[in-house]
């Protein structure tokens, strides 16, 4: 019932706003990844802190181009603590939830200190990789009016990469490198698997863009 209450509070705050990259599905996947990572670790994890932080980490969701975007994590942490305190969560757990939420964000620049914070950061960053990561990247780029990719030079071999113009450029500029920032061994393994899939996707995209796939089929 607790997790359902958390979801209801998040939906109340979002008030029907739609963001395909930050929706209830995203929160549930992050929560599931938190559970998976934590079960593979030998060190005990405070599941109450971890799962609460997972569900509230994006409760205050500001657009990527919002000038206050860098404050979204701390605003989410503040909201989570106020809600959880009213529900009777112990003060030491409130502090742990606040830190985990603040530390999950790229833009906040807060180093994760606790194990729960490291797990949440990994779980959230996994969402930027693999099939889900590809879908979310193109979704956000579409919202911001950016193109899919430069059809003349998809891999930016003759130009400077520019993810403000092309979604695909964001793979090389940021997304592939995420696997190097993972905080836990399970997180690194999962991230590397997802990056491998993304490279397969790019190879297929290049083949389709060049017409190689069509030529191969015609030759069969």
Protein backbone atom coordinates (compact mmCIF):
# COMPACT_ATOMS: atom_id res chain seq x y z
CA UNK A 1 0.00 0.00 0.00
CA UNK A 2 2.91 2.33 0.78
CA UNK A 3 4.21 2.32 -2.80
CA UNK A 4 0.69 2.93 -4.13
CA UNK A 5 0.42 5.92 -1.81
CA UNK A 6 3.73 7.23 -3.15
CA UNK A 7 2.53 6.87 -6.74
CA UNK A 8 -0.71 8.66 -5.91
CA UNK A 9 1.21 11.59 -4.40
CA UNK A 10 3.48 11.88 -7.43
CA UNK A 11 0.50 11.85 -9.80
CA UNK A 12 -1.21 14.50 -7.66
CA UNK A 13 1.83 16.78 -7.96
CA UNK A 14 2.16 16.17 -11.69
CA UNK A 15 -1.55 17.05 -12.04
CA UNK A 16 -2.05 15.35 -15.38
CA UNK A 17 1.06 16.77 -17.06
CA UNK A 18 2.46 14.49 -19.74
CA UNK A 19 6.16 13.76 -20.22
CA UNK A 20 6.93 10.50 -21.94
CA UNK A 21 10.46 10.46 -20.51
CA UNK A 22 9.42 11.14 -16.92
CA UNK A 23 6.21 9.28 -16.28
CA UNK A 24 4.98 6.63 -13.88
CA UNK A 25 6.57 3.95 -16.06
CA UNK A 26 9.96 5.62 -15.58
CA UNK A 27 9.55 5.68 -11.80
CA UNK A 28 8.49 2.04 -11.71
CA UNK A 29 11.42 0.95 -13.87
CA UNK A 30 13.87 2.87 -11.67
CA UNK A 31 12.33 1.24 -8.62
CA UNK A 32 12.66 -2.21 -10.24
CA UNK A 33 16.30 -1.54 -11.17
CA UNK A 34 16.98 -0.42 -7.60
CA UNK A 35 15.62 -3.71 -6.34
CA UNK A 36 17.62 -5.71 -8.86
CA UNK A 37 20.89 -3.94 -8.10
CA UNK A 38 20.37 -4.19 -4.34
CA UNK A 39 19.68 -7.93 -4.47
CA UNK A 40 23.03 -8.51 -6.21
CA UNK A 41 25.03 -6.67 -3.55
CA UNK A 42 26.49 -8.26 -0.42
CA UNK A 43 26.01 -5.13 1.69
CA UNK A 44 22.65 -4.57 3.44
CA UNK A 45 20.46 -1.89 1.89
CA UNK A 46 17.71 0.13 3.57
CA UNK A 47 14.88 -0.76 1.21
CA UNK A 48 12.48 1.72 2.79
CA UNK A 49 14.86 4.58 2.01
CA UNK A 50 15.78 3.25 -1.42
CA UNK A 51 12.26 2.64 -2.72
CA UNK A 52 10.91 5.91 -1.34
CA UNK A 53 13.74 7.81 -3.03
CA UNK A 54 13.15 5.93 -6.27
CA UNK A 55 9.47 6.87 -6.36
CA UNK A 56 10.00 10.55 -5.49
CA UNK A 57 13.23 11.33 -7.37
CA UNK A 58 11.37 13.15 -10.18
CA UNK A 59 8.31 14.37 -8.29
CA UNK A 60 9.29 17.94 -9.23
CA UNK A 61 9.89 17.53 -12.95
CA UNK A 62 11.26 20.58 -14.75
CA UNK A 63 11.78 20.66 -18.52
CA UNK A 64 15.27 20.02 -19.90
CA UNK A 65 15.49 23.62 -21.13
CA UNK A 66 14.11 25.16 -17.91
CA UNK A 67 16.71 27.53 -16.39
CA UNK A 68 15.94 26.02 -12.96
CA UNK A 69 16.49 22.45 -14.20
CA UNK A 70 19.58 22.05 -12.00
CA UNK A 71 17.37 22.52 -8.91
CA UNK A 72 14.82 19.84 -9.79
CA UNK A 73 16.52 17.17 -7.67
CA UNK A 74 16.71 19.24 -4.49
CA UNK A 75 13.13 20.42 -4.99
CA UNK A 76 12.06 16.79 -5.39
CA UNK A 77 14.03 15.84 -2.28
CA UNK A 78 12.42 18.63 -0.26
CA UNK A 79 8.95 17.58 -1.37
CA UNK A 80 9.65 13.92 -0.61
CA UNK A 81 10.89 14.68 2.90
CA UNK A 82 7.89 16.86 3.69
CA UNK A 83 5.50 14.15 2.51
CA UNK A 84 7.32 11.28 4.21
CA UNK A 85 7.70 13.21 7.49
CA UNK A 86 3.93 13.69 7.56
CA UNK A 87 3.60 9.94 7.08
CA UNK A 88 5.82 9.30 10.10
CA UNK A 89 9.15 8.28 8.56
CA UNK A 90 12.05 8.45 11.01
CA UNK A 91 14.32 11.54 10.76
CA UNK A 92 17.46 9.54 9.93
CA UNK A 93 15.63 7.92 7.03
CA UNK A 94 14.35 11.30 5.87
CA UNK A 95 17.94 12.56 5.65
CA UNK A 96 18.94 9.46 3.71
CA UNK A 97 16.06 9.86 1.24
CA UNK A 98 16.91 13.53 0.75
CA UNK A 99 20.55 12.77 -0.01
CA UNK A 100 19.74 9.91 -2.39
CA UNK A 101 17.37 12.07 -4.43
CA UNK A 102 19.77 15.02 -4.55
CA UNK A 103 22.64 12.77 -5.65
CA UNK A 104 20.80 11.01 -8.48
CA UNK A 105 20.91 14.02 -10.79
CA UNK A 106 23.55 14.79 -13.44
CA UNK A 107 22.98 18.53 -13.25
CA UNK A 108 22.96 18.80 -9.44
CA UNK A 109 26.56 17.59 -9.20
CA UNK A 110 26.10 15.96 -5.76
CA UNK A 111 28.37 12.97 -5.12
CA UNK A 112 26.49 9.94 -3.75
CA UNK A 113 27.80 8.99 -0.31
CA UNK A 114 25.38 6.33 0.89
CA UNK A 115 24.85 2.93 -0.73
CA UNK A 116 21.19 3.81 -1.35
CA UNK A 117 22.25 6.98 -3.18
CA UNK A 118 24.71 5.06 -5.34
CA UNK A 119 22.08 2.47 -6.24
CA UNK A 120 19.48 5.11 -7.13
CA UNK A 121 21.96 7.00 -9.27
CA UNK A 122 22.80 3.82 -11.18
CA UNK A 123 19.15 2.84 -11.58
CA UNK A 124 18.20 6.27 -12.93
CA UNK A 125 21.16 6.39 -15.31
CA UNK A 126 20.26 2.98 -16.71
CA UNK A 127 17.11 4.67 -18.01
CA UNK A 128 19.30 6.70 -20.39
CA UNK A 129 20.71 3.53 -21.97
CA UNK A 130 19.47 0.57 -23.99
CA UNK A 131 16.15 0.49 -25.81
CA UNK A 132 14.48 2.65 -23.16
CA UNK A 133 17.32 5.14 -23.35
CA UNK A 134 17.02 5.39 -27.13
CA UNK A 135 13.27 5.96 -26.89
CA UNK A 136 13.67 8.59 -24.19
CA UNK A 137 16.47 10.39 -26.03
CA UNK A 138 14.44 10.77 -29.21
CA UNK A 139 11.34 11.72 -27.20
CA UNK A 140 13.12 14.57 -25.44
CA UNK A 141 14.83 15.70 -28.63
CA UNK A 142 11.46 15.84 -30.36
CA UNK A 143 10.01 17.93 -27.55
CA UNK A 144 12.90 20.38 -27.95
CA UNK A 145 12.57 20.54 -31.74
CA UNK A 146 15.84 18.75 -32.52
CA UNK A 147 16.38 16.54 -35.55
CA UNK A 148 16.79 12.76 -35.44
CA UNK A 149 20.26 12.71 -37.03
CA UNK A 150 22.31 14.39 -39.74
CA UNK A 151 21.59 12.19 -42.74
CA UNK A 152 24.72 13.45 -44.55
CA UNK A 153 27.06 12.75 -41.64
CA UNK A 154 25.26 10.71 -38.92
CA UNK A 155 28.39 10.03 -36.84
CA UNK A 156 29.78 13.59 -37.07
CA UNK A 157 32.92 12.46 -38.87
CA UNK A 158 33.20 15.71 -40.87
CA UNK A 159 31.64 18.13 -38.40
CA UNK A 160 31.55 18.88 -34.70
CA UNK A 161 29.01 16.77 -32.79
CA UNK A 162 25.99 18.86 -31.80
CA UNK A 163 23.30 17.31 -29.63
CA UNK A 164 21.44 20.61 -29.60
CA UNK A 165 20.67 19.95 -33.26
CA UNK A 166 20.67 16.14 -33.57
CA UNK A 167 19.41 13.47 -31.18
CA UNK A 168 21.88 10.84 -32.38
CA UNK A 169 24.83 13.09 -31.52
CA UNK A 170 23.78 12.84 -27.87
CA UNK A 171 24.78 9.16 -27.88
CA UNK A 172 28.46 9.99 -28.38
CA UNK A 173 28.50 13.23 -26.44
CA UNK A 174 26.91 11.83 -23.28
CA UNK A 175 25.02 8.54 -23.29
CA UNK A 176 27.78 6.06 -24.16
CA UNK A 177 29.91 7.54 -21.38
CA UNK A 178 27.32 6.88 -18.70
CA UNK A 179 28.52 3.30 -18.24
CA UNK A 180 31.84 4.73 -17.00
CA UNK A 181 30.08 6.62 -14.19
CA UNK A 182 28.18 3.72 -12.63
CA UNK A 183 28.64 3.33 -8.89
CA UNK A 184 27.97 -0.40 -8.40
CA UNK A 185 29.19 -3.58 -10.09
CA UNK A 186 25.66 -4.68 -11.09
CA UNK A 187 24.98 -1.21 -12.44
CA UNK A 188 28.14 -1.27 -14.56
CA UNK A 189 27.29 -4.69 -15.98
CA UNK A 190 23.76 -3.64 -16.88
CA UNK A 191 24.98 -0.37 -18.37
CA UNK A 192 27.57 -2.08 -20.56
CA UNK A 193 24.93 -4.48 -21.88
CA UNK A 194 22.66 -1.59 -22.76
CA UNK A 195 25.41 0.40 -24.46
CA UNK A 196 26.19 -2.65 -26.61
CA UNK A 197 22.57 -2.71 -27.76
CA UNK A 198 22.69 1.00 -28.56
CA UNK A 199 25.71 0.45 -30.79
CA UNK A 200 23.80 -2.29 -32.61
CA UNK A 201 20.93 0.12 -33.09
CA UNK A 202 23.25 2.76 -34.53
CA UNK A 203 24.78 0.22 -36.92
CA UNK A 204 21.29 -0.69 -38.17
CA UNK A 205 20.35 2.98 -38.50
CA UNK A 206 23.47 3.68 -40.56
CA UNK A 207 22.73 0.73 -42.84
CA UNK A 208 19.17 1.90 -43.42
CA UNK A 209 20.25 5.50 -43.99
CA UNK A 210 22.86 4.42 -46.55
CA UNK A 211 20.48 2.04 -48.30
CA UNK A 212 22.76 -0.92 -47.56
CA UNK A 213 19.88 -2.92 -46.11
CA UNK A 214 17.81 -2.42 -49.28
CA UNK A 215 20.73 -3.45 -51.48
CA UNK A 216 21.40 -6.54 -49.37
CA UNK A 217 17.79 -7.63 -49.65
CA UNK A 218 17.77 -7.08 -53.42
CA UNK A 219 20.85 -9.26 -53.78
CA UNK A 220 19.24 -12.22 -51.98
